[in-house]
Structures are given as C-alpha cells and as structure tokens.
Protein backbone atom coordinates (compact mmCIF):
# COMPACT_ATOMS: atom_id res chain seq x y z
CA MET A 1 8.56 -24.37 14.31
CA ASP A 2 10.42 -24.46 10.97
CA THR A 3 12.06 -21.48 9.29
CA MET A 4 9.35 -20.95 6.67
CA SER A 5 6.61 -20.80 9.30
CA LEU A 6 8.61 -18.25 11.28
CA LEU A 7 9.22 -16.22 8.13
CA MET A 8 5.50 -16.23 7.39
CA GLN A 9 4.87 -14.94 10.90
CA GLY A 10 7.45 -12.27 10.15
CA PHE A 11 5.56 -11.22 7.02
CA ALA A 12 2.40 -10.93 9.13
CA VAL A 13 4.31 -8.34 11.21
CA ALA A 14 5.99 -6.64 8.24
CA LEU A 15 2.82 -6.30 6.16
CA THR A 16 0.95 -4.21 8.73
CA PRO A 17 0.29 -0.63 7.56
CA GLU A 18 2.60 0.78 10.23
CA SER A 19 5.52 -1.48 9.24
CA ILE A 20 5.08 -0.77 5.54
CA MET A 21 4.98 2.96 6.25
CA PHE A 22 8.27 2.87 8.18
CA ALA A 23 9.87 0.66 5.52
CA VAL A 24 8.95 3.19 2.81
CA ILE A 25 10.06 6.18 4.91
CA GLY A 26 13.33 4.44 5.75
CA ALA A 27 13.94 3.51 2.11
CA ILE A 28 13.43 7.12 0.95
CA LEU A 29 15.53 8.66 3.74
CA GLY A 30 18.26 6.07 3.27
CA THR A 31 18.50 6.70 -0.47
CA LEU A 32 18.69 10.45 0.11
CA ILE A 33 21.42 9.99 2.73
CA GLY A 34 23.34 7.51 0.58
CA ALA A 35 23.28 9.89 -2.40
CA LEU A 36 25.25 12.50 -0.44
CA PRO A 37 28.98 11.85 -0.87
CA GLY A 38 30.67 10.85 2.38
CA LEU A 39 27.63 10.39 4.61
CA GLY A 40 27.02 6.67 4.12
CA PRO A 41 24.74 4.21 5.93
CA ALA A 42 26.45 4.29 9.34
CA ASN A 43 26.05 8.04 9.64
CA GLY A 44 22.48 7.92 8.35
CA VAL A 45 21.43 5.32 10.90
CA ALA A 46 23.32 7.15 13.68
CA ILE A 47 21.50 10.40 12.89
CA LEU A 48 18.06 8.75 12.96
CA ILE A 49 18.45 6.62 16.11
CA PRO A 50 17.67 9.53 18.49
CA LEU A 51 14.70 10.42 16.29
CA ALA A 52 13.33 6.89 16.63
CA PHE A 53 13.59 7.18 20.41
CA SER A 54 12.03 10.63 20.56
CA LEU A 55 9.05 9.43 18.49
CA GLY A 56 8.51 6.57 20.95
CA LEU A 57 8.58 3.89 18.25
CA SER A 58 8.26 0.24 19.20
CA PRO A 59 11.38 -1.96 18.88
CA THR A 60 9.99 -3.59 15.73
CA SER A 61 9.10 -0.28 14.07
CA SER A 62 12.46 1.24 15.05
CA LEU A 63 14.44 -1.63 13.57
CA ILE A 64 12.34 -1.77 10.40
CA LEU A 65 12.91 1.97 9.94
CA LEU A 66 16.66 1.77 10.54
CA THR A 67 17.31 -1.39 8.51
CA SER A 68 15.40 0.24 5.64
CA VAL A 69 17.61 3.33 6.02
CA TYR A 70 20.63 1.00 5.95
CA ALA A 71 19.48 -0.72 2.76
CA GLY A 72 18.43 2.59 1.18
CA ALA A 73 21.81 4.19 1.87
CA MET A 74 23.55 1.25 0.18
CA TYR A 75 21.33 1.82 -2.87
CA GLY A 76 21.85 5.59 -2.77
CA GLY A 77 25.65 5.41 -2.70
CA ARG A 78 25.69 4.54 -6.38
CA ILE A 79 24.02 7.82 -7.46
CA SER A 80 26.96 10.12 -6.73
CA SER A 81 29.39 7.42 -7.95
CA ILE A 82 27.76 7.37 -11.38
CA LEU A 83 26.91 11.06 -11.78
CA LEU A 84 29.82 12.72 -9.93
CA ASN A 85 32.57 10.10 -9.93
CA ILE A 86 32.53 10.56 -6.14
CA PRO A 87 31.53 7.44 -4.15
CA GLY A 88 28.64 7.96 -1.76
CA ASP A 89 30.57 5.68 0.60
CA GLU A 90 33.64 3.46 0.31
CA PRO A 91 31.86 0.30 -0.96
CA ALA A 92 30.46 2.34 -3.87
CA MET A 93 33.98 3.21 -5.02
CA MET A 94 34.15 0.33 -7.51
CA THR A 95 30.92 1.50 -9.15
CA CYS A 96 32.76 4.64 -10.30
CA LEU A 97 35.03 2.59 -12.57
CA ASP A 98 32.32 1.88 -15.14
CA GLY A 99 29.36 3.90 -13.87
CA TYR A 100 30.88 7.33 -14.49
CA PRO A 101 32.21 6.41 -17.98
CA MET A 102 28.68 5.23 -18.85
CA ALA A 103 27.32 8.60 -17.70
CA LEU A 104 29.88 10.44 -19.83
CA LYS A 105 28.67 8.42 -22.83
CA GLY A 106 25.14 9.70 -22.26
CA LYS A 107 23.99 6.50 -20.53
CA ALA A 108 23.58 7.80 -16.98
CA ALA A 109 19.95 6.62 -16.79
CA GLU A 110 20.94 3.13 -17.94
CA ALA A 111 23.78 2.99 -15.39
CA LEU A 112 21.46 4.06 -12.57
CA ALA A 113 18.78 1.54 -13.61
CA ILE A 114 21.26 -1.34 -13.94
CA SER A 115 22.81 -0.52 -10.57
CA ALA A 116 19.36 -0.42 -8.95
CA ILE A 117 18.48 -3.85 -10.39
CA ALA A 118 21.86 -5.27 -9.32
CA SER A 119 21.45 -3.78 -5.83
CA PHE A 120 18.04 -5.43 -5.58
CA ILE A 121 19.42 -8.82 -6.63
CA GLY A 122 22.35 -8.51 -4.21
CA SER A 123 20.14 -7.58 -1.26
CA PHE A 124 17.43 -10.12 -2.11
CA ILE A 125 19.82 -13.08 -2.44
CA ALA A 126 21.73 -12.06 0.68
CA THR A 127 18.47 -11.78 2.65
CA ILE A 128 17.61 -15.33 1.54
CA GLY A 129 21.08 -16.32 2.79
CA LEU A 130 20.29 -14.59 6.08
CA VAL A 131 17.06 -16.58 6.41
CA ILE A 132 18.90 -19.87 5.82
CA LEU A 133 22.15 -19.27 7.71
CA ALA A 134 21.09 -17.20 10.73
CA PRO A 135 18.95 -19.88 12.49
CA ILE A 136 21.69 -22.48 11.94
CA LEU A 137 24.38 -20.22 13.37
CA ALA A 138 22.12 -19.17 16.26
CA LYS A 139 21.48 -22.84 17.14
CA PHE A 140 25.22 -23.55 17.02
CA ALA A 141 25.97 -20.54 19.23
CA LEU A 142 23.84 -22.03 22.03
CA ARG A 143 26.88 -24.21 22.77
CA PHE A 144 28.86 -21.14 23.79
CA GLY A 145 29.80 -20.72 27.43
CA PRO A 146 31.47 -17.68 29.04
CA SER A 147 34.94 -18.80 27.86
CA GLU A 148 33.73 -19.14 24.26
CA TYR A 149 31.99 -15.77 24.35
CA PHE A 150 35.13 -14.09 25.67
CA ALA A 151 37.11 -15.67 22.80
CA LEU A 152 34.41 -14.57 20.36
CA PHE A 153 34.65 -10.96 21.55
CA ALA A 154 38.45 -11.15 21.25
CA LEU A 155 37.98 -12.43 17.68
CA ALA A 156 35.68 -9.49 16.92
CA PHE A 157 38.35 -7.01 18.03
CA ALA A 158 41.16 -8.92 16.28
CA THR A 159 39.37 -8.82 12.92
CA LEU A 160 38.13 -5.23 13.19
CA GLY A 161 40.74 -3.80 10.83
CA GLY A 162 39.97 -6.40 8.21
CA ILE A 163 42.07 -7.21 5.18
CA THR A 164 41.62 -3.68 3.85
CA GLY A 165 42.52 -1.92 7.11
CA LYS A 166 45.47 0.46 6.92
CA ASN A 167 46.98 0.08 10.39
CA GLN A 168 46.27 -2.78 12.80
CA PHE A 169 47.91 -0.93 15.69
CA LYS A 170 45.61 2.08 15.33
CA THR A 171 42.61 -0.24 15.08
CA LEU A 172 43.54 -2.00 18.33
CA MET A 173 44.27 1.35 19.98
CA ALA A 174 40.80 2.57 19.00
CA ALA A 175 39.27 -0.61 20.43
CA ALA A 176 41.21 -0.03 23.67
CA ILE A 177 39.80 3.52 23.87
CA GLY A 178 36.29 2.09 23.47
CA LEU A 179 36.90 -0.54 26.17
CA MET A 180 38.19 2.16 28.54
CA ILE A 181 35.10 4.30 27.98
CA ALA A 182 32.98 1.19 28.65
CA THR A 183 34.43 0.93 32.18
CA VAL A 184 33.01 4.34 33.19
CA GLY A 185 30.19 4.02 35.73
CA ILE A 186 29.36 1.89 38.74
CA ASP A 187 30.72 -1.67 38.63
CA ILE A 188 27.66 -3.93 38.79
CA SER A 189 29.55 -6.70 40.64
CA THR A 190 31.26 -4.64 43.34
CA GLY A 191 29.32 -1.36 43.42
CA VAL A 192 32.56 0.59 43.07
CA GLN A 193 32.52 3.84 41.10
CA ARG A 194 34.90 3.83 38.14
CA PHE A 195 36.02 7.10 36.50
CA THR A 196 32.79 8.90 37.44
CA PHE A 197 34.52 11.86 39.17
CA ASN A 198 31.47 11.99 41.48
CA THR A 199 29.34 13.14 38.55
CA LEU A 200 25.83 11.75 38.89
CA GLU A 201 25.26 11.59 35.12
CA LEU A 202 28.23 9.21 34.76
CA PHE A 203 27.06 6.68 37.37
CA GLU A 204 25.30 4.65 34.65
CA GLY A 205 28.20 5.02 32.23
CA VAL A 206 28.53 6.87 28.94
CA ASP A 207 25.49 6.48 26.70
CA PHE A 208 26.76 4.86 23.51
CA ILE A 209 23.92 6.40 21.47
CA ILE A 210 25.36 9.84 22.28
CA ALA A 211 28.84 8.58 21.42
CA ILE A 212 27.63 7.14 18.11
CA VAL A 213 25.82 10.32 17.04
CA GLY A 214 28.85 12.41 18.02
CA LEU A 215 31.55 10.20 16.52
CA PHE A 216 29.70 9.50 13.28
CA ALA A 217 27.20 12.27 12.56
CA ILE A 218 28.86 15.34 14.10
CA SER A 219 32.38 14.43 12.94
CA GLU A 220 31.01 13.78 9.44
CA LEU A 221 29.36 17.20 9.54
CA LEU A 222 32.75 18.81 10.26
CA PHE A 223 34.40 16.81 7.47
CA PHE A 224 31.58 17.51 5.04
CA LEU A 225 31.82 21.24 5.63
CA GLU A 226 35.59 21.08 5.24
CA ARG A 227 35.40 19.24 1.92
CA HIS A 228 32.34 20.84 0.31
CA ALA A 229 31.89 24.12 2.13
CA GLY A 230 30.45 25.91 -0.86
CA ASP A 231 27.98 25.36 -3.60
CA GLY A 232 26.21 22.17 -4.58
CA LEU A 233 27.99 19.57 -6.67
CA LYS A 234 27.73 19.50 -10.43
CA GLN A 235 26.67 16.20 -11.89
CA VAL A 236 26.30 14.66 -15.32
CA ALA A 237 22.84 15.21 -16.80
CA ILE A 238 20.48 12.23 -16.86
CA ASN A 239 19.30 11.08 -20.27
CA LYS A 240 15.99 9.43 -21.08
CA LEU A 241 16.06 5.77 -20.02
CA LYS A 242 16.57 3.36 -22.92
CA LEU A 243 17.09 -0.02 -21.26
CA SER A 244 16.01 -3.17 -23.09
CA ALA A 245 15.33 -6.65 -21.72
CA LYS A 246 18.49 -7.82 -23.49
CA ASP A 247 20.57 -5.28 -21.53
CA ILE A 248 19.10 -6.53 -18.25
CA ILE A 249 19.67 -10.20 -19.13
CA LYS A 250 23.29 -9.41 -20.00
CA VAL A 251 24.07 -8.16 -16.47
CA LEU A 252 22.13 -10.85 -14.55
CA PRO A 253 25.05 -13.35 -14.29
CA ALA A 254 27.31 -10.60 -12.97
CA SER A 255 24.65 -9.57 -10.45
CA PHE A 256 24.13 -13.11 -9.15
CA ARG A 257 27.86 -13.79 -8.84
CA GLY A 258 28.39 -10.47 -7.08
CA ALA A 259 25.49 -11.14 -4.69
CA VAL A 260 26.91 -14.49 -3.53
CA LEU A 261 30.46 -13.16 -3.14
CA GLY A 262 29.18 -10.09 -1.31
CA PHE A 263 27.10 -12.15 1.10
CA VAL A 264 30.11 -14.33 1.98
CA ALA A 265 32.26 -11.23 2.47
CA GLY A 266 29.60 -9.72 4.74
CA VAL A 267 29.35 -12.80 6.96
CA LEU A 268 33.10 -13.30 7.32
CA PRO A 269 34.76 -11.27 10.10
CA GLY A 270 37.03 -8.52 8.86
CA ALA A 271 35.82 -8.56 5.23
CA GLY A 272 32.84 -6.23 4.77
CA ALA A 273 31.12 -4.44 1.92
CA SER A 274 34.24 -2.73 0.54
CA LEU A 275 36.00 -6.05 0.01
CA GLY A 276 32.75 -7.61 -1.25
CA SER A 277 32.46 -4.91 -3.89
CA PHE A 278 36.14 -5.22 -4.84
CA ILE A 279 36.25 -9.01 -5.26
CA SER A 280 32.93 -9.00 -7.14
CA TYR A 281 34.29 -6.51 -9.68
CA THR A 282 37.65 -8.30 -9.93
CA LEU A 283 36.08 -11.72 -10.46
CA GLU A 284 33.64 -10.40 -13.05
CA LYS A 285 36.47 -8.81 -14.96
CA ARG A 286 38.25 -12.18 -15.09
CA VAL A 287 35.37 -14.51 -15.91
CA SER A 288 33.67 -12.29 -18.49
CA ASP A 289 34.89 -11.57 -21.96
CA LYS A 290 37.16 -8.51 -21.95
CA GLY A 291 34.42 -6.12 -23.00
CA GLU A 292 35.04 -2.52 -21.99
CA PHE A 293 35.68 -2.79 -18.27
CA GLY A 294 36.81 0.58 -16.98
CA LYS A 295 35.32 2.31 -20.02
CA GLY A 296 31.62 1.94 -19.30
CA ASP A 297 30.77 -1.78 -19.24
CA PRO A 298 27.35 -2.37 -17.61
CA ARG A 299 28.66 -5.54 -15.94
CA GLY A 300 31.26 -3.38 -14.21
CA VAL A 301 28.37 -1.50 -12.61
CA ALA A 302 26.23 -4.54 -11.77
CA ALA A 303 28.91 -6.70 -10.11
CA PRO A 304 30.16 -4.28 -7.42
CA GLU A 305 26.66 -3.00 -6.66
CA ALA A 306 25.36 -6.54 -6.12
CA GLY A 307 28.49 -7.28 -4.08
CA ASN A 308 28.26 -4.36 -1.68
CA ASN A 309 24.51 -4.75 -1.15
CA GLY A 310 24.93 -8.48 -0.61
CA ALA A 311 27.65 -7.80 1.96
CA ALA A 312 25.42 -5.27 3.74
CA SER A 313 22.74 -7.91 4.37
CA GLY A 314 25.36 -10.57 5.12
CA ALA A 315 26.82 -8.40 7.89
CA LEU A 316 23.52 -8.75 9.77
CA VAL A 317 24.11 -12.50 10.24
CA PRO A 318 26.83 -12.30 12.94
CA MET A 319 25.13 -9.27 14.52
CA LEU A 320 21.78 -11.01 15.02
CA THR A 321 23.07 -14.50 15.86
CA LEU A 322 26.23 -13.79 17.87
CA GLY A 323 25.82 -10.18 18.96
CA VAL A 324 29.00 -9.29 17.03
CA PRO A 325 28.52 -6.69 14.28
CA GLY A 326 29.92 -7.44 10.84
CA SER A 327 30.24 -3.79 9.76
CA GLY A 328 30.18 -0.23 11.04
CA THR A 329 26.47 0.15 10.35
CA THR A 330 25.55 -3.11 12.07
CA ALA A 331 27.55 -1.87 15.08
CA VAL A 332 25.22 1.14 15.18
CA LEU A 333 22.19 -1.17 14.84
CA LEU A 334 23.59 -3.32 17.65
CA ALA A 335 23.67 -0.22 19.86
CA MET A 336 20.01 0.37 19.02
CA LEU A 337 19.09 -3.19 20.06
CA ILE A 338 21.01 -2.97 23.33
CA SER A 339 19.45 0.39 24.16
CA LEU A 340 16.03 -1.24 23.68
CA ASN A 341 17.02 -3.91 26.25
CA ILE A 342 17.13 -6.55 23.53
CA SER A 343 20.19 -8.81 23.64
CA PRO A 344 21.39 -9.89 20.19
CA GLY A 345 22.69 -13.43 20.07
CA PRO A 346 21.40 -16.99 19.82
CA MET A 347 18.53 -16.40 22.27
CA LEU A 348 17.20 -13.53 20.14
CA PHE A 349 15.63 -16.03 17.74
CA GLN A 350 13.79 -17.71 20.63
CA GLN A 351 12.91 -14.82 22.95
CA ASN A 352 12.16 -12.20 20.28
CA ALA A 353 11.17 -14.31 17.29
CA ASP A 354 8.43 -11.90 16.15
CA LEU A 355 10.88 -9.01 16.19
CA VAL A 356 13.74 -10.65 14.32
CA TRP A 357 11.60 -12.39 11.70
CA GLY A 358 9.48 -9.28 11.25
CA VAL A 359 12.64 -7.28 10.50
CA ILE A 360 13.91 -9.95 8.08
CA ALA A 361 10.56 -10.03 6.28
CA ALA A 362 10.58 -6.22 6.16
CA MET A 363 13.96 -6.41 4.40
CA PHE A 364 12.34 -8.30 1.53
CA ILE A 365 9.60 -5.68 1.32
CA GLY A 366 12.09 -2.82 1.70
CA ASN A 367 14.21 -4.13 -1.19
CA LEU A 368 11.18 -4.26 -3.46
CA VAL A 369 10.20 -0.73 -2.40
CA LEU A 370 13.74 0.49 -3.10
CA LEU A 371 13.72 -1.02 -6.58
CA LEU A 372 10.37 0.61 -7.37
CA LEU A 373 11.53 3.95 -5.96
CA ASN A 374 15.01 4.08 -7.41
CA ILE A 375 14.16 3.66 -11.08
CA PRO A 376 11.28 6.14 -11.60
CA MET A 377 12.21 8.56 -8.80
CA VAL A 378 15.98 8.71 -9.24
CA GLY A 379 15.71 12.21 -10.71
CA ILE A 380 14.26 13.48 -7.42
CA PHE A 381 17.10 11.92 -5.42
CA VAL A 382 19.63 13.44 -7.81
CA LYS A 383 18.25 16.95 -7.14
CA LEU A 384 19.56 16.61 -3.59
CA LEU A 385 23.13 16.69 -4.91
CA SER A 386 22.63 20.25 -6.12
CA ILE A 387 21.64 21.57 -2.67
CA PRO A 388 24.56 23.49 -1.11
CA PRO A 389 25.89 21.76 2.04
CA LYS A 390 25.67 25.05 3.96
CA TYR A 391 21.87 24.65 3.87
CA LEU A 392 21.67 20.86 4.12
CA MET A 393 24.10 20.00 6.93
CA PRO A 394 22.60 22.30 9.59
CA ILE A 395 19.33 20.41 9.12
CA VAL A 396 21.16 17.10 9.69
CA THR A 397 22.77 18.52 12.84
CA LEU A 398 19.45 19.85 14.10
CA VAL A 399 17.76 16.45 13.69
CA ALA A 400 20.59 14.73 15.60
CA SER A 401 20.64 17.34 18.40
CA VAL A 402 16.87 17.46 18.89
CA GLY A 403 16.77 13.65 18.91
CA ILE A 404 19.46 13.39 21.59
CA TYR A 405 17.90 16.06 23.79
CA SER A 406 14.38 14.66 23.48
CA VAL A 407 15.54 11.29 24.86
CA SER A 408 17.12 12.53 28.11
CA HIS A 409 16.25 16.26 28.30
CA SER A 410 19.82 16.79 29.49
CA ALA A 411 21.99 19.62 28.17
CA LEU A 412 25.04 17.66 29.36
CA ASP A 413 24.27 14.98 26.76
CA LEU A 414 24.51 17.63 24.04
CA TYR A 415 27.92 18.68 25.38
CA PHE A 416 28.99 15.04 25.36
CA MET A 417 27.71 14.68 21.77
CA VAL A 418 29.72 17.71 20.61
CA GLY A 419 32.77 16.46 22.54
CA PHE A 420 32.59 13.07 20.86
CA GLY A 421 32.10 14.83 17.53
CA VAL A 422 35.27 16.89 17.92
CA ALA A 423 37.16 13.82 19.15
CA GLY A 424 35.88 11.84 16.16
CA TYR A 425 37.01 14.58 13.79
CA ILE A 426 40.52 14.54 15.32
CA PHE A 427 40.68 10.73 15.28
CA ARG A 428 39.75 10.66 11.60
CA LYS A 429 42.37 13.30 10.82
CA VAL A 430 45.07 10.98 12.22
CA ASP A 431 43.52 7.86 10.62
CA ILE A 432 42.24 6.28 13.85
CA PRO A 433 39.06 4.35 12.91
CA LEU A 434 35.84 5.09 14.78
CA VAL A 435 34.03 1.75 14.53
CA PRO A 436 36.43 -0.01 16.99
CA ILE A 437 35.70 2.69 19.58
CA ILE A 438 31.96 2.05 19.29
CA LEU A 439 32.48 -1.71 19.31
CA GLY A 440 34.61 -1.44 22.43
CA MET A 441 31.85 0.51 24.18
CA LEU A 442 29.20 -1.98 23.06
CA LEU A 443 31.01 -5.26 23.70
CA GLY A 444 33.14 -4.15 26.65
CA PRO A 445 30.56 -4.79 29.40
CA GLU A 446 29.61 -8.22 28.02
CA MET A 447 33.27 -9.13 27.50
CA GLU A 448 34.06 -8.20 31.11
CA LYS A 449 31.03 -10.14 32.34
CA SER A 450 32.05 -13.25 30.36
CA LEU A 451 35.61 -13.08 31.69
CA ARG A 452 34.45 -12.74 35.29
CA HIS A 453 31.92 -15.55 34.92
CA ALA A 454 34.52 -17.88 33.41
CA LEU A 455 37.05 -17.14 36.17
CA VAL A 456 34.45 -17.59 38.91
CA LEU A 457 33.48 -21.01 37.52
CA SER A 458 37.16 -22.05 37.36
CA ASP A 459 38.21 -20.60 40.75
CA GLY A 460 40.46 -18.07 39.05
CA ASP A 461 42.16 -20.52 36.69
CA TRP A 462 42.96 -18.58 33.49
CA SER A 463 43.41 -21.78 31.48
CA VAL A 464 39.61 -22.05 31.40
CA LEU A 465 39.71 -19.58 28.51
CA PHE A 466 41.46 -22.22 26.35
CA ASN A 467 40.11 -25.53 27.62
CA SER A 468 37.54 -26.32 24.91
CA GLY A 469 37.96 -27.10 21.22
CA LEU A 470 35.51 -24.34 20.35
CA SER A 471 37.38 -21.66 22.29
CA ILE A 472 40.72 -22.82 20.85
CA GLY A 473 39.21 -22.58 17.36
CA LEU A 474 37.99 -19.03 18.05
CA TRP A 475 41.39 -17.98 19.42
CA THR A 476 43.07 -19.47 16.33
CA VAL A 477 40.82 -17.45 14.01
CA ALA A 478 41.48 -14.36 16.13
CA ILE A 479 45.24 -14.79 15.76
CA LEU A 480 44.83 -15.30 12.00
CA GLY A 481 42.68 -12.17 11.93
CA LEU A 482 45.59 -10.22 13.39
CA VAL A 483 48.34 -11.79 11.26
CA LEU A 484 46.67 -12.11 7.83
CA PRO A 485 46.12 -8.36 7.31
CA ILE A 486 49.83 -7.82 7.87
CA ILE A 487 50.70 -10.42 5.20
CA VAL A 488 47.84 -10.23 2.71
CA GLY A 489 46.64 -6.71 3.46
CA PRO A 490 49.35 -4.80 1.56
CA ILE A 491 48.62 -6.78 -1.62
CA VAL A 492 44.85 -6.18 -1.45
CA ARG A 493 45.28 -2.51 -0.53
CA ALA A 494 47.70 -2.01 -3.42
CA LYS A 495 45.11 -3.37 -5.86
CA MET A 496 42.35 -1.25 -4.33
CA LYS A 497 44.61 1.82 -4.44
CA LYS A 498 45.16 1.17 -8.13
CA SER A 499 41.38 1.05 -8.59
CA LYS A 500 40.98 4.34 -6.68
CA GLU A 501 43.57 5.96 -8.93
CA SER A 502 41.59 4.75 -11.93
CA VAL A 503 38.52 6.47 -10.46
CA LYS A 504 40.41 9.74 -9.96
CA ASP A 505 41.87 9.65 -13.47
CA ALA A 506 38.49 9.02 -15.10
C-alpha cells in the first residue's frame, strides 16, 4: 500500500470525534504549558503521561493527545518570548531578538500573529517531510541486525550533547547513570537479580515514567519556585491586531526557509530545535536585505519560529523509524510508546500502521487547530502569565502525583518520583543534562539485548560489531558526533551566547 493510501487511512482515524477532541485538548494544554517560561514541551508531556494512563486512554488517543501537547508547547513558547523577553523554552530564545522589540513598538499582536503563522508553516512542512522520509528510513532500517542496532544506540549516546552541548563528559556521564539505572531488576536472560536489594518493587526494574515525571516535572517545579517564587510576571500589553496581507506575504519566504532548515536540524542526530532556530535566524539575516533585524523585524520572528517548529516535527522521524529520539520531548514520547508495549522502529510502520499514520494525520489537524486557536485566543493564553506561580505550580505537581499514583496505587512510586525530582534538581544545578539519563534508561535494555544477540551469533567474537559496512558507517558517525562538538561546538556556542546577550540587553 502506498504512502498516500496509508495517510488517508490515518485521517480516517484522526477525524473521529474522539481523536479531534484529544487533539484540541492537547493543543490548548500545550499552548498554556509552553507560555509559562521554563516549562517547555518535555515537561508538559512528562506531566500528562501519568494522566493519560490513569484515564485509560487507548494508545492512539494517548499519542494524539501528547503529540498535540508537544506541538502546542512549541507554539506557546513564543508568547513569553515576545511579551516578556523570557523564552518559554530554549528554542524560543531567538524569537526574543525581534519579537520583544516589536512588542515595545506597540506591535505585540502583530508579532504573536506572525509567529503563529510561521509556526504553522514550520510544523506543516516538517510533517509533510515526516510523511515522505519516515517510510523510506523505516524500510532502510529493516536491514539492521543486532550489530547495527548496537552501533545505532552508541551513535545516539555519542550525539546526545549535540553541537550546542556545553560539556561532552557530563553528557556521557549522565548517559552512564541512565544505563546503570536500566540494569536494575531481574536479568531476563539469566534470571539473576541485579541491584534489587531484595525489594519486590524493584524486580521489574525502575519505571521510567516515574523517572521522567520526577526528573523533568518535579525538578522543574523546584527551579520554577526558585526563579519566580512571587507574583505573576508583568508583560507588554497587547494592541489591537493590524496585520495586512502584505505583511504576511513579506514573511512567507523566511517561514519556508526556516521550516526546511528546522526539519533537517530535527532529523539530524545532535542538532535539535535550538540549533534549528539559530541557523534559521542566522541564514535569514544574511539572505534578506538588512532591514531592522534585532530591532523588531517581522522576518526575525518568522524564521526562528518556523525553524524550531520544523525541528520539533523532524525529531519524530528517528524516534518513529529507528526507536532513537531526536530530542528531549521525543525521548519522553518514546517512553510512552514503550510503556504501551509498542516498539518504535522499522516494524512500527508495518505492525501498527493505523496508530502511526493516525498520529501523523492528527499532527496536520493539530497544527490547523493551533493556528485557529493561537490568533483569536492568544489573549486568554497570555492571562496565564499573570497567575502567581505559588498558585499554579502546586496544581501541576498535584496532576503529576495523582497520575503516578493512579497507575500503580503504590506510595513507593511517589517516593521514587520525589527522589528523582530532587536528584534532577541537583543534576541541573551542576549542569548535568537530564535527557541522557532518560535515554540511557530507555535504550539500555535494547542495547544490552542487541549486544548479547550479536555475541551469541558470533560465538563471542567482538569483531562482529564492526564487520558490516553499515555498522562501520554508524560507528564513524558516532565518532564524529563525539569529536565535532569539541571542534565546532565552541564557535556555535559563542555565537549563540552573543545572541543570548542581545536578548538580555534588549
């Protein structure tokens, strides 16, 4: 069956009343979460995963809800960037450069509308790219054996820090912590208990959903209270929207260029939405006439917004086709799939075609819903910024805690959640990234299984890990992923630091 026929089947799933309802709910919740400075899509999805389980949602409904939250949070990040000069998350940082100056000029409504249109274009084009590229990559991945999968997992860990990562050693250390946690439980092959301390609850290992909620949501709660432990934030007032067709046409080229660059950045290992946003803004500044970049140029709002939303959808490509997440949020979504006993990878498109194509079709619908919501209803989302965190964050914590408890009805899981939250807070204080820990927990069991399978097939010969052209190619990319950030990283980070300083000075 060709791609278009499968996509049409996906629309049949996505256009059911239940799917549309969850897409709309996810879009609204995601935008609200994204509008809060610091929360971001990964935390939003992490908070809502236990809720999806406690409501007993089907796999399709759960993923439609969470991918809509993901997309909505990427849209919502621009609101605080434009009105507060505080990025909702890191990819939205570049939007501050021209979004906030536009707001100061009394053009906040125009900046929000342009960014919503650019976000729609970025997500829409990237979703088309997902439709085209994912089946091709999934078909190619069917050639992978255990040796190739082990090399692929090694590549995933090698490129975790990315070009923009601060410290490769800390990234690898975090991945090692995640891999160690993944070994807790009973070894499936030998039946030996590993690090269980004769505790029955640890026989099946540490639940990564609990770890995700603790590391992301609870640690973010502690940080949020530390940073904004008082009143609500004061934002620039929104003027009456005065956006002409000419203004929209002017930013379309920037939006399309940003969308393509963002999608490529999302697909590539170690790049991500932050780099997608940065290169989109930088390229637009070079190819366009000088204009007023940094002083309130609408193209300086459109390009990074299209770039980071394009990268967000692009990051789903390696997650769905290879089982390797392309970003922190897709790592959280990967955990959701695994917990539903669905194995991401090349067979996903054959064994769960209705699910994957239904989710992809729902992304098209969700993007349209987000565009329709974000222009007329942006004033409602903005009101959230004025709510004091001391009222808002306990609600977030309550949702996460009730969700975790309702899944297992175990008080020990709540203690684990709090423990991971405190650990996450400490790790972030010393600049140890959290995503590698989660990725280590998620990929560790499969990585171990692939290594054992490869060694069994080769009678213990370790050279089997390097005996095919494909595995050698993957190892080469992995080595480049470790070396390039050391060489190129300082240059890119210096430029991004300069951009951050421009945001602070504005």
